[in-house]
Amino acid sequence: MTETVARAIAKSVRSQQQMDGEGARVNRSIGSNMLPDLDPFLLLDEFEVEAPGGFPDHPHRGFETVTYMFEGEFLHEDFKGHKGHLGPGDLQWMSAGRGMVHAEIPADHSRAHGLQLWINLAAKDKMMKPRYQEYPAAKIKQFSPEEGIQIKVIAGEAYGVKSPIKTKTPTLFVDIRLAKGKTIEQEVPEDYAGFIYTIAGTALFGSSKHQSGAHHTLVLSDNGGTKVPVKSLSDDCHFVLIAGKPLREPIVQEGPFVMNSRQQVAQAIQDYSRGLHGFEGAREWKSTIRDLWSKPSKKGSKKTNRS
């Protein structure tokens, strides 16, 4: 019998706090100078937003955004009339494809806390028709293999439990909470690149038993391993494990447009400006939620990836 190989932690990156959107505070790791991308992943933000902050009307092309809420509530609206309301534990998996313009704003003055992940699309899928996959917390697959271990399967599979999410770019996304002293071994396909993002508590991660607290992105080693062991050192251990199949294609990004060449990015900017090829009506559109709260001061605003 062939013994399975475990992944080690190859790199640890502490999230850097910055302002994004309009007065919104995010802790960014992937997409920062320390970790520009991790094919097929483009960006990872742990956001903590309170009104009047938020992410008003902004475009996307060429990738998917995954918004996963921990607490608080967010409103969502796009230029084609789709509206949504995300609460604690809810998930929105949005494929922007050829063109999306939308707004994401806190529903009230309470703290909205969650993760947003950007996943690249292959060249053949970048101009796909936009689509949503939205699941309230009650419909997300979750289970407890034993007392002190809680697992939610956002995408892919864990312990034989499969998520209903259909991913264009093959992706694994699991949310795990462990009591002190508990251990797990999450299976990961050998050809996937991946990472762990720590949300709370302390644990030993990977075959290297790398100890880490909250707000770190732990990049998994590329050793062909098919499992990731974790042992909790605290009662509040909470992390997500995310992995995906690398696309190994050129990445050219200009803010919210991610394509395979500079020419394609220039075309995306032109299409958005002129309202063409997926952006019809985009320039004239204004969401009904963008001015829900009084506008923040310019001091708290910054032009970033979402602008």
C-alpha atoms as a PDB file:
ATOM      1  CA  MET A   1       0.000   0.000   0.000  1.00  0.00           C
ATOM      2  CA  THR A   2       1.348   3.430  -0.991  1.00  0.00           C
ATOM      3  CA  GLU A   3       1.548   5.880   1.894  1.00  0.00           C
ATOM      4  CA  THR A   4      -0.151   9.210   1.211  1.00  0.00           C
ATOM      5  CA  VAL A   5       1.965  12.359   1.325  1.00  0.00           C
ATOM      6  CA  ALA A   6       0.953  15.343   3.451  1.00  0.00           C
ATOM      7  CA  ARG A   7       1.342  18.963   2.415  1.00  0.00           C
ATOM      8  CA  ALA A   8       3.628  21.238   4.419  1.00  0.00           C
ATOM      9  CA  ILE A   9       3.347  25.013   4.809  1.00  0.00           C
ATOM     10  CA  ALA A  10       5.649  26.624   2.253  1.00  0.00           C
ATOM     11  CA  LYS A  11       4.995  30.273   3.100  1.00  0.00           C
ATOM     12  CA  SER A  12       3.128  32.329   5.680  1.00  0.00           C
ATOM     13  CA  VAL A  13       1.761  35.781   4.816  1.00  0.00           C
ATOM     14  CA  ARG A  14       0.101  37.987   7.398  1.00  0.00           C
ATOM     15  CA  SER A  15      -2.842  39.940   5.985  1.00  0.00           C
ATOM     16  CA  GLN A  16      -2.264  43.661   5.599  1.00  0.00           C
ATOM     17  CA  GLN A  17      -5.060  46.021   6.573  1.00  0.00           C
ATOM     18  CA  GLN A  18      -6.021  48.608   3.968  1.00  0.00           C
ATOM     19  CA  MET A  19      -8.983  50.658   2.824  1.00  0.00           C
ATOM     20  CA  ASP A  20     -10.973  49.558  -0.202  1.00  0.00           C
ATOM     21  CA  GLY A  21     -14.137  50.616  -1.994  1.00  0.00           C
ATOM     22  CA  GLU A  22     -15.617  53.570  -0.078  1.00  0.00           C
ATOM     23  CA  GLY A  23     -14.467  53.615   3.539  1.00  0.00           C
ATOM     24  CA  ALA A  24     -14.335  49.806   3.782  1.00  0.00           C
ATOM     25  CA  ARG A  25     -11.589  48.102   5.794  1.00  0.00           C
ATOM     26  CA  VAL A  26     -10.122  44.838   4.479  1.00  0.00           C
ATOM     27  CA  ASN A  27      -7.297  42.530   5.525  1.00  0.00           C
ATOM     28  CA  ARG A  28      -5.629  41.452   2.269  1.00  0.00           C
ATOM     29  CA  SER A  29      -3.142  38.659   1.645  1.00  0.00           C
ATOM     30  CA  ILE A  30      -3.522  37.290  -1.878  1.00  0.00           C
ATOM     31  CA  GLY A  31      -3.468  40.319  -4.154  1.00  0.00           C
ATOM     32  CA  SER A  32      -0.962  42.147  -1.934  1.00  0.00           C
ATOM     33  CA  ASN A  33       2.709  42.842  -2.639  1.00  0.00           C
ATOM     34  CA  MET A  34       3.627  39.861  -0.447  1.00  0.00           C
ATOM     35  CA  LEU A  35       1.496  37.444  -2.487  1.00  0.00           C
ATOM     36  CA  PRO A  36       0.366  39.018  -5.809  1.00  0.00           C
ATOM     37  CA  ASP A  37      -1.536  35.888  -6.847  1.00  0.00           C
ATOM     38  CA  LEU A  38      -1.666  32.145  -6.207  1.00  0.00           C
ATOM     39  CA  ASP A  39      -2.862  30.548  -9.454  1.00  0.00           C
ATOM     40  CA  PRO A  40      -5.838  30.189  -9.870  1.00  0.00           C
ATOM     41  CA  PHE A  41      -6.577  32.667  -7.033  1.00  0.00           C
ATOM     42  CA  LEU A  42      -6.265  36.416  -7.588  1.00  0.00           C
ATOM     43  CA  LEU A  43      -7.349  38.031  -4.326  1.00  0.00           C
ATOM     44  CA  LEU A  44      -8.374  37.171  -0.764  1.00  0.00           C
ATOM     45  CA  ASP A  45      -9.875  39.795   1.536  1.00  0.00           C
ATOM     46  CA  GLU A  46     -11.164  39.359   5.052  1.00  0.00           C
ATOM     47  CA  PHE A  47     -13.499  42.337   5.184  1.00  0.00           C
ATOM     48  CA  GLU A  48     -14.917  44.164   8.170  1.00  0.00           C
ATOM     49  CA  VAL A  49     -17.308  46.849   6.977  1.00  0.00           C
ATOM     50  CA  GLU A  50     -19.721  49.157   8.753  1.00  0.00           C
ATOM     51  CA  ALA A  51     -22.047  51.706   7.165  1.00  0.00           C
ATOM     52  CA  PRO A  52     -21.495  54.145   5.585  1.00  0.00           C
ATOM     53  CA  GLY A  53     -18.588  52.125   4.153  1.00  0.00           C
ATOM     54  CA  GLY A  54     -19.069  49.618   1.354  1.00  0.00           C
ATOM     55  CA  PHE A  55     -18.361  48.754  -2.242  1.00  0.00           C
ATOM     56  CA  PRO A  56     -20.559  50.959  -4.467  1.00  0.00           C
ATOM     57  CA  ASP A  57     -21.071  50.467  -8.200  1.00  0.00           C
ATOM     58  CA  HIS A  58     -18.013  48.862  -9.846  1.00  0.00           C
ATOM     59  CA  PRO A  59     -17.321  46.548 -12.838  1.00  0.00           C
ATOM     60  CA  HIS A  60     -15.670  43.133 -13.309  1.00  0.00           C
ATOM     61  CA  ARG A  61     -14.603  40.969 -16.241  1.00  0.00           C
ATOM     62  CA  GLY A  62     -12.723  37.680 -16.552  1.00  0.00           C
ATOM     63  CA  PHE A  63     -13.055  35.983 -13.163  1.00  0.00           C
ATOM     64  CA  GLU A  64     -15.355  34.841 -10.335  1.00  0.00           C
ATOM     65  CA  THR A  65     -15.995  36.456  -6.953  1.00  0.00           C
ATOM     66  CA  VAL A  66     -16.946  34.407  -3.902  1.00  0.00           C
ATOM     67  CA  THR A  67     -18.480  36.243  -0.946  1.00  0.00           C
ATOM     68  CA  TYR A  68     -18.871  34.235   2.277  1.00  0.00           C
ATOM     69  CA  MET A  69     -20.371  35.938   5.325  1.00  0.00           C
ATOM     70  CA  PHE A  70     -19.454  35.266   8.953  1.00  0.00           C
ATOM     71  CA  GLU A  71     -21.583  37.924  10.628  1.00  0.00           C
ATOM     72  CA  GLY A  72     -23.668  40.950   9.719  1.00  0.00           C
ATOM     73  CA  GLU A  73     -25.637  41.535   6.524  1.00  0.00           C
ATOM     74  CA  PHE A  74     -24.814  42.765   3.023  1.00  0.00           C
ATOM     75  CA  LEU A  75     -27.047  43.988   0.217  1.00  0.00           C
ATOM     76  CA  HIS A  76     -26.164  43.238  -3.398  1.00  0.00           C
ATOM     77  CA  GLU A  77     -27.490  44.682  -6.654  1.00  0.00           C
ATOM     78  CA  ASP A  78     -26.297  44.498 -10.261  1.00  0.00           C
ATOM     79  CA  PHE A  79     -26.926  46.370 -13.505  1.00  0.00           C
ATOM     80  CA  LYS A  80     -29.159  43.628 -14.925  1.00  0.00           C
ATOM     81  CA  GLY A  81     -31.662  43.869 -12.063  1.00  0.00           C
ATOM     82  CA  HIS A  82     -30.457  41.018  -9.852  1.00  0.00           C
ATOM     83  CA  LYS A  83     -30.701  41.780  -6.115  1.00  0.00           C
ATOM     84  CA  GLY A  84     -29.610  39.808  -3.088  1.00  0.00           C
ATOM     85  CA  HIS A  85     -29.339  39.892   0.700  1.00  0.00           C
ATOM     86  CA  LEU A  86     -26.485  38.037   2.395  1.00  0.00           C
ATOM     87  CA  GLY A  87     -26.658  37.229   6.107  1.00  0.00           C
ATOM     88  CA  PRO A  88     -24.451  35.244   8.523  1.00  0.00           C
ATOM     89  CA  GLY A  89     -23.215  32.021   6.928  1.00  0.00           C
ATOM     90  CA  ASP A  90     -24.614  32.883   3.484  1.00  0.00           C
ATOM     91  CA  LEU A  91     -22.683  32.361   0.245  1.00  0.00           C
ATOM     92  CA  GLN A  92     -22.672  34.106  -3.115  1.00  0.00           C
ATOM     93  CA  TRP A  93     -20.608  32.598  -5.956  1.00  0.00           C
ATOM     94  CA  MET A  94     -20.684  35.083  -8.833  1.00  0.00           C
ATOM     95  CA  SER A  95     -19.143  34.382 -12.236  1.00  0.00           C
ATOM     96  CA  ALA A  96     -18.572  37.832 -13.740  1.00  0.00           C
ATOM     97  CA  GLY A  97     -17.536  36.398 -17.094  1.00  0.00           C
ATOM     98  CA  ARG A  98     -17.781  38.895 -19.949  1.00  0.00           C
ATOM     99  CA  GLY A  99     -19.137  41.698 -17.810  1.00  0.00           C
ATOM    100  CA  MET A 100     -20.686  42.540 -14.461  1.00  0.00           C
ATOM    101  CA  VAL A 101     -21.366  45.845 -12.728  1.00  0.00           C
ATOM    102  CA  HIS A 102     -22.662  45.648  -9.167  1.00  0.00           C
ATOM    103  CA  ALA A 103     -22.718  47.170  -5.694  1.00  0.00           C
ATOM    104  CA  GLU A 104     -22.181  45.570  -2.268  1.00  0.00           C
ATOM    105  CA  ILE A 105     -23.339  47.626   0.716  1.00  0.00           C
ATOM    106  CA  PRO A 106     -23.950  46.822   4.423  1.00  0.00           C
ATOM    107  CA  ALA A 107     -27.652  46.312   5.129  1.00  0.00           C
ATOM    108  CA  ASP A 108     -27.477  48.180   8.454  1.00  0.00           C
ATOM    109  CA  HIS A 109     -25.011  49.789  10.854  1.00  0.00           C
ATOM    110  CA  SER A 110     -23.807  46.526  12.384  1.00  0.00           C
ATOM    111  CA  ARG A 111     -20.397  45.030  11.509  1.00  0.00           C
ATOM    112  CA  ALA A 112     -20.386  43.000   8.299  1.00  0.00           C
ATOM    113  CA  HIS A 113     -17.580  40.434   8.485  1.00  0.00           C
ATOM    114  CA  GLY A 114     -16.635  37.833   5.905  1.00  0.00           C
ATOM    115  CA  LEU A 115     -14.319  36.733   3.121  1.00  0.00           C
ATOM    116  CA  GLN A 116     -14.162  37.649  -0.536  1.00  0.00           C
ATOM    117  CA  LEU A 117     -12.155  35.431  -2.852  1.00  0.00           C
ATOM    118  CA  TRP A 118     -11.398  36.108  -6.519  1.00  0.00           C
ATOM    119  CA  ILE A 119     -10.886  33.032  -8.713  1.00  0.00           C
ATOM    120  CA  ASN A 120      -9.470  33.372 -12.208  1.00  0.00           C
ATOM    121  CA  LEU A 121     -11.333  31.983 -15.203  1.00  0.00           C
ATOM    122  CA  ALA A 122      -9.627  30.099 -18.003  1.00  0.00           C
ATOM    123  CA  ALA A 123      -9.273  31.913 -21.326  1.00  0.00           C
ATOM    124  CA  LYS A 124     -12.124  29.822 -22.759  1.00  0.00           C
ATOM    125  CA  ASP A 125     -14.463  30.961 -19.955  1.00  0.00           C
ATOM    126  CA  LYS A 126     -13.543  34.633 -19.551  1.00  0.00           C
ATOM    127  CA  MET A 127     -16.326  35.801 -21.873  1.00  0.00           C
ATOM    128  CA  MET A 128     -18.981  33.439 -20.502  1.00  0.00           C
ATOM    129  CA  LYS A 129     -22.440  34.713 -19.640  1.00  0.00           C
ATOM    130  CA  PRO A 130     -22.486  35.954 -16.031  1.00  0.00           C
ATOM    131  CA  ARG A 131     -24.183  33.703 -13.486  1.00  0.00           C
ATOM    132  CA  TYR A 132     -24.913  33.449  -9.771  1.00  0.00           C
ATOM    133  CA  GLN A 133     -24.939  30.561  -7.337  1.00  0.00           C
ATOM    134  CA  GLU A 134     -26.412  31.753  -4.038  1.00  0.00           C
ATOM    135  CA  TYR A 135     -26.928  29.623  -0.953  1.00  0.00           C
ATOM    136  CA  PRO A 136     -28.311  30.666   2.434  1.00  0.00           C
ATOM    137  CA  ALA A 137     -26.492  29.253   5.449  1.00  0.00           C
ATOM    138  CA  ALA A 138     -29.149  26.577   6.001  1.00  0.00           C
ATOM    139  CA  LYS A 139     -28.501  25.059   2.561  1.00  0.00           C
ATOM    140  CA  ILE A 140     -24.703  24.902   2.788  1.00  0.00           C
ATOM    141  CA  LYS A 141     -23.484  21.349   3.374  1.00  0.00           C
ATOM    142  CA  GLN A 142     -22.212  21.034   6.949  1.00  0.00           C
ATOM    143  CA  PHE A 143     -21.486  18.170   9.306  1.00  0.00           C
ATOM    144  CA  SER A 144     -19.612  17.126  12.431  1.00  0.00           C
ATOM    145  CA  PRO A 145     -17.504  13.958  12.028  1.00  0.00           C
ATOM    146  CA  GLU A 146     -17.006  13.974  15.798  1.00  0.00           C
ATOM    147  CA  GLU A 147     -17.623  16.203  18.790  1.00  0.00           C
ATOM    148  CA  GLY A 148     -15.508  19.351  18.634  1.00  0.00           C
ATOM    149  CA  ILE A 149     -15.182  19.369  14.838  1.00  0.00           C
ATOM    150  CA  GLN A 150     -17.507  21.386  12.581  1.00  0.00           C
ATOM    151  CA  ILE A 151     -17.030  21.399   8.803  1.00  0.00           C
ATOM    152  CA  LYS A 152     -18.863  23.350   6.090  1.00  0.00           C
ATOM    153  CA  VAL A 153     -18.264  22.371   2.468  1.00  0.00           C
ATOM    154  CA  ILE A 154     -18.448  25.537   0.388  1.00  0.00           C
ATOM    155  CA  ALA A 155     -17.055  23.941  -2.784  1.00  0.00           C
ATOM    156  CA  GLY A 156     -15.621  20.541  -3.590  1.00  0.00           C
ATOM    157  CA  GLU A 157     -15.693  17.678  -1.096  1.00  0.00           C
ATOM    158  CA  ALA A 158     -14.733  16.916   2.505  1.00  0.00           C
ATOM    159  CA  TYR A 159     -15.048  13.535   4.242  1.00  0.00           C
ATOM    160  CA  GLY A 160     -17.325  12.321   1.435  1.00  0.00           C
ATOM    161  CA  VAL A 161     -19.696  15.300   1.704  1.00  0.00           C
ATOM    162  CA  LYS A 162     -20.017  17.213  -1.573  1.00  0.00           C
ATOM    163  CA  SER A 163     -21.009  20.825  -2.186  1.00  0.00           C
ATOM    164  CA  PRO A 164     -23.648  21.549  -4.866  1.00  0.00           C
ATOM    165  CA  ILE A 165     -21.613  24.522  -6.152  1.00  0.00           C
ATOM    166  CA  LYS A 166     -20.500  24.081  -9.765  1.00  0.00           C
ATOM    167  CA  THR A 167     -17.071  25.624 -10.285  1.00  0.00           C
ATOM    168  CA  LYS A 168     -15.725  26.630 -13.700  1.00  0.00           C
ATOM    169  CA  THR A 169     -12.203  26.504 -12.294  1.00  0.00           C
ATOM    170  CA  PRO A 170     -11.947  23.296 -10.201  1.00  0.00           C
ATOM    171  CA  THR A 171     -11.965  24.520  -6.585  1.00  0.00           C
ATOM    172  CA  LEU A 172     -12.034  23.147  -3.041  1.00  0.00           C
ATOM    173  CA  PHE A 173     -13.290  25.443  -0.253  1.00  0.00           C
ATOM    174  CA  VAL A 174     -13.974  24.161   3.268  1.00  0.00           C
ATOM    175  CA  ASP A 175     -14.687  26.066   6.499  1.00  0.00           C
ATOM    176  CA  ILE A 176     -13.433  24.262   9.611  1.00  0.00           C
ATOM    177  CA  ARG A 177     -13.838  24.909  13.352  1.00  0.00           C
ATOM    178  CA  LEU A 178     -11.952  22.815  15.903  1.00  0.00           C
ATOM    179  CA  ALA A 179     -12.025  22.559  19.678  1.00  0.00           C
ATOM    180  CA  LYS A 180      -8.683  22.397  21.506  1.00  0.00           C
ATOM    181  CA  GLY A 181      -6.758  19.182  20.871  1.00  0.00           C
ATOM    182  CA  LYS A 182      -8.872  18.098  17.903  1.00  0.00           C
ATOM    183  CA  THR A 183      -7.214  16.984  14.669  1.00  0.00           C
ATOM    184  CA  ILE A 184      -8.349  16.611  11.069  1.00  0.00           C
ATOM    185  CA  GLU A 185      -6.840  15.539   7.752  1.00  0.00           C
ATOM    186  CA  GLN A 186      -8.429  17.252   4.779  1.00  0.00           C
ATOM    187  CA  GLU A 187      -7.891  15.619   1.408  1.00  0.00           C
ATOM    188  CA  VAL A 188      -6.602  17.832  -1.415  1.00  0.00           C
ATOM    189  CA  PRO A 189      -6.090  16.754  -5.059  1.00  0.00           C
ATOM    190  CA  GLU A 190      -2.384  16.342  -5.761  1.00  0.00           C
ATOM    191  CA  ASP A 191      -2.444  18.763  -8.718  1.00  0.00           C
ATOM    192  CA  TYR A 192      -4.161  21.598  -6.792  1.00  0.00           C
ATOM    193  CA  ALA A 193      -2.402  24.694  -5.448  1.00  0.00           C
ATOM    194  CA  GLY A 194      -3.848  25.924  -2.189  1.00  0.00           C
ATOM    195  CA  PHE A 195      -3.696  27.728   1.109  1.00  0.00           C
ATOM    196  CA  ILE A 196      -5.189  27.955   4.561  1.00  0.00           C
ATOM    197  CA  TYR A 197      -6.542  31.249   5.854  1.00  0.00           C
ATOM    198  CA  THR A 198      -6.683  31.507   9.656  1.00  0.00           C
ATOM    199  CA  ILE A 199      -9.651  33.394  11.101  1.00  0.00           C
ATOM    200  CA  ALA A 200      -9.385  32.755  14.853  1.00  0.00           C
ATOM    201  CA  GLY A 201      -7.477  30.676  17.381  1.00  0.00           C
ATOM    202  CA  THR A 202      -4.187  28.808  17.030  1.00  0.00           C
ATOM    203  CA  ALA A 203      -3.248  25.471  15.459  1.00  0.00           C
ATOM    204  CA  LEU A 204      -0.453  23.377  14.001  1.00  0.00           C
ATOM    205  CA  PHE A 205      -0.833  23.204  10.220  1.00  0.00           C
ATOM    206  CA  GLY A 206       0.536  20.762   7.662  1.00  0.00           C
ATOM    207  CA  SER A 207       3.206  18.099   7.931  1.00  0.00           C
ATOM    208  CA  SER A 208       5.626  20.811   9.049  1.00  0.00           C
ATOM    209  CA  LYS A 209       3.381  21.511  12.086  1.00  0.00           C
ATOM    210  CA  HIS A 210       3.555  25.224  11.388  1.00  0.00           C
ATOM    211  CA  GLN A 211       2.024  27.116  14.297  1.00  0.00           C
ATOM    212  CA  SER A 212      -0.120  30.084  13.354  1.00  0.00           C
ATOM    213  CA  GLY A 213      -2.632  32.457  14.866  1.00  0.00           C
ATOM    214  CA  ALA A 214      -5.321  34.479  13.112  1.00  0.00           C
ATOM    215  CA  HIS A 215      -5.167  36.523   9.893  1.00  0.00           C
ATOM    216  CA  HIS A 216      -2.455  34.543   8.109  1.00  0.00           C
ATOM    217  CA  THR A 217      -2.463  32.934   4.684  1.00  0.00           C
ATOM    218  CA  LEU A 218      -0.507  29.686   4.815  1.00  0.00           C
ATOM    219  CA  VAL A 219       0.521  28.561   1.332  1.00  0.00           C
ATOM    220  CA  LEU A 220       0.555  24.785   0.890  1.00  0.00           C
ATOM    221  CA  SER A 221       3.705  23.159  -0.462  1.00  0.00           C
ATOM    222  CA  ASP A 222       3.710  21.880  -4.028  1.00  0.00           C
ATOM    223  CA  ASN A 223       4.884  18.356  -3.209  1.00  0.00           C
ATOM    224  CA  GLY A 224       2.108  16.283  -4.763  1.00  0.00           C
ATOM    225  CA  GLY A 225       0.621  15.661  -1.325  1.00  0.00           C
ATOM    226  CA  THR A 226      -3.028  14.680  -1.025  1.00  0.00           C
ATOM    227  CA  LYS A 227      -3.791  15.553   2.595  1.00  0.00           C
ATOM    228  CA  VAL A 228      -3.415  18.471   4.998  1.00  0.00           C
ATOM    229  CA  PRO A 229      -3.244  17.614   8.710  1.00  0.00           C
ATOM    230  CA  VAL A 230      -4.263  20.193  11.334  1.00  0.00           C
ATOM    231  CA  LYS A 231      -4.207  20.046  15.151  1.00  0.00           C
ATOM    232  CA  SER A 232      -5.959  22.742  17.159  1.00  0.00           C
ATOM    233  CA  LEU A 233      -4.199  24.398  20.094  1.00  0.00           C
ATOM    234  CA  SER A 234      -7.190  26.481  21.191  1.00  0.00           C
ATOM    235  CA  ASP A 235     -10.951  26.153  21.647  1.00  0.00           C
ATOM    236  CA  ASP A 236     -11.718  28.856  19.092  1.00  0.00           C
ATOM    237  CA  CYS A 237      -9.727  27.476  16.142  1.00  0.00           C
ATOM    238  CA  HIS A 238     -11.395  28.606  12.898  1.00  0.00           C
ATOM    239  CA  PHE A 239      -9.908  28.536   9.402  1.00  0.00           C
ATOM    240  CA  VAL A 240     -10.731  27.913   5.770  1.00  0.00           C
ATOM    241  CA  LEU A 241      -8.809  25.619   3.445  1.00  0.00           C
ATOM    242  CA  ILE A 242      -8.990  26.636  -0.205  1.00  0.00           C
ATOM    243  CA  ALA A 243      -7.322  24.957  -3.177  1.00  0.00           C
ATOM    244  CA  GLY A 244      -7.765  24.941  -6.929  1.00  0.00           C
ATOM    245  CA  LYS A 245      -6.324  23.597 -10.143  1.00  0.00           C
ATOM    246  CA  PRO A 246      -3.808  26.088 -11.573  1.00  0.00           C
ATOM    247  CA  LEU A 247      -4.706  27.459 -14.992  1.00  0.00           C
ATOM    248  CA  ARG A 248      -1.079  28.176 -15.973  1.00  0.00           C
ATOM    249  CA  GLU A 249      -2.173  30.980 -18.291  1.00  0.00           C
ATOM    250  CA  PRO A 250      -0.908  34.570 -18.552  1.00  0.00           C
ATOM    251  CA  ILE A 251      -2.515  36.939 -16.029  1.00  0.00           C
ATOM    252  CA  VAL A 252      -2.884  40.598 -16.975  1.00  0.00           C
ATOM    253  CA  GLN A 253      -4.874  42.648 -14.473  1.00  0.00           C
ATOM    254  CA  GLU A 254      -6.007  46.255 -14.444  1.00  0.00           C
ATOM    255  CA  GLY A 255      -8.095  46.787 -11.325  1.00  0.00           C
ATOM    256  CA  PRO A 256     -11.352  44.826 -11.767  1.00  0.00           C
ATOM    257  CA  PHE A 257     -10.463  43.471 -15.226  1.00  0.00           C
ATOM    258  CA  VAL A 258      -8.423  40.246 -15.425  1.00  0.00           C
ATOM    259  CA  MET A 259      -7.557  38.896 -18.870  1.00  0.00           C
ATOM    260  CA  ASN A 260      -4.708  37.100 -20.671  1.00  0.00           C
ATOM    261  CA  SER A 261      -3.139  40.018 -22.560  1.00  0.00           C
ATOM    262  CA  ARG A 262      -2.809  43.798 -22.343  1.00  0.00           C
ATOM    263  CA  GLN A 263      -4.830  44.079 -25.537  1.00  0.00           C
ATOM    264  CA  GLN A 264      -7.715  42.174 -23.946  1.00  0.00           C
ATOM    265  CA  VAL A 265      -7.591  44.372 -20.831  1.00  0.00           C
ATOM    266  CA  ALA A 266      -7.619  47.511 -23.004  1.00  0.00           C
ATOM    267  CA  GLN A 267     -10.630  46.064 -24.826  1.00  0.00           C
ATOM    268  CA  ALA A 268     -12.388  45.396 -21.514  1.00  0.00           C
ATOM    269  CA  ILE A 269     -11.851  48.996 -20.397  1.00  0.00           C
ATOM    270  CA  GLN A 270     -13.111  50.259 -23.746  1.00  0.00           C
ATOM    271  CA  ASP A 271     -16.149  47.945 -23.654  1.00  0.00           C
ATOM    272  CA  TYR A 272     -17.053  49.173 -20.178  1.00  0.00           C
ATOM    273  CA  SER A 273     -16.613  52.804 -21.203  1.00  0.00           C
ATOM    274  CA  ARG A 274     -18.736  52.378 -24.335  1.00  0.00           C
ATOM    275  CA  GLY A 275     -21.272  49.886 -22.966  1.00  0.00           C
ATOM    276  CA  LEU A 276     -20.387  47.041 -25.341  1.00  0.00           C
ATOM    277  CA  HIS A 277     -19.878  43.242 -25.348  1.00  0.00           C
ATOM    278  CA  GLY A 278     -21.477  42.462 -22.000  1.00  0.00           C
ATOM    279  CA  PHE A 279     -21.507  45.974 -20.541  1.00  0.00           C
ATOM    280  CA  GLU A 280     -24.587  47.253 -22.385  1.00  0.00           C
ATOM    281  CA  GLY A 281     -26.235  49.904 -20.215  1.00  0.00           C
ATOM    282  CA  ALA A 282     -23.454  49.814 -17.633  1.00  0.00           C
ATOM    283  CA  ARG A 283     -22.346  53.434 -17.809  1.00  0.00           C
ATOM    284  CA  GLU A 284     -25.860  54.809 -17.357  1.00  0.00           C
ATOM    285  CA  TRP A 285     -26.748  52.466 -14.498  1.00  0.00           C
ATOM    286  CA  LYS A 286     -26.776  53.517 -10.854  1.00  0.00           C
ATOM    287  CA  SER A 287     -27.687  51.088  -8.116  1.00  0.00           C
ATOM    288  CA  THR A 288     -30.508  51.908  -5.721  1.00  0.00           C
ATOM    289  CA  ILE A 289     -28.317  50.955  -2.742  1.00  0.00           C
ATOM    290  CA  ARG A 290     -25.181  53.008  -3.448  1.00  0.00           C
ATOM    291  CA  ASP A 291     -26.503  56.005  -1.506  1.00  0.00           C
ATOM    292  CA  LEU A 292     -28.296  54.006   1.191  1.00  0.00           C
ATOM    293  CA  TRP A 293     -25.982  55.518   3.807  1.00  0.00           C
ATOM    294  CA  SER A 294     -24.362  58.931   3.944  1.00  0.00           C
ATOM    295  CA  LYS A 295     -21.144  59.088   1.957  1.00  0.00           C
ATOM    296  CA  PRO A 296     -17.831  58.645   3.825  1.00  0.00           C
ATOM    297  CA  SER A 297     -15.172  61.321   3.772  1.00  0.00           C
ATOM    298  CA  LYS A 298     -12.549  61.165   1.039  1.00  0.00           C
ATOM    299  CA  LYS A 299      -9.979  60.368   3.710  1.00  0.00           C
ATOM    300  CA  GLY A 300     -11.495  56.925   4.168  1.00  0.00           C
ATOM    301  CA  SER A 301     -11.687  56.119   0.472  1.00  0.00           C
ATOM    302  CA  LYS A 302      -9.151  54.675  -1.891  1.00  0.00           C
ATOM    303  CA  LYS A 303      -9.127  53.630  -5.527  1.00  0.00           C
ATOM    304  CA  THR A 304      -8.360  49.912  -5.499  1.00  0.00           C
ATOM    305  CA  ASN A 305      -9.011  46.638  -7.295  1.00  0.00           C
ATOM    306  CA  ARG A 306     -12.763  47.142  -7.121  1.00  0.00           C
ATOM    307  CA  SER A 307     -12.661  50.692  -8.535  1.00  0.00           C
END
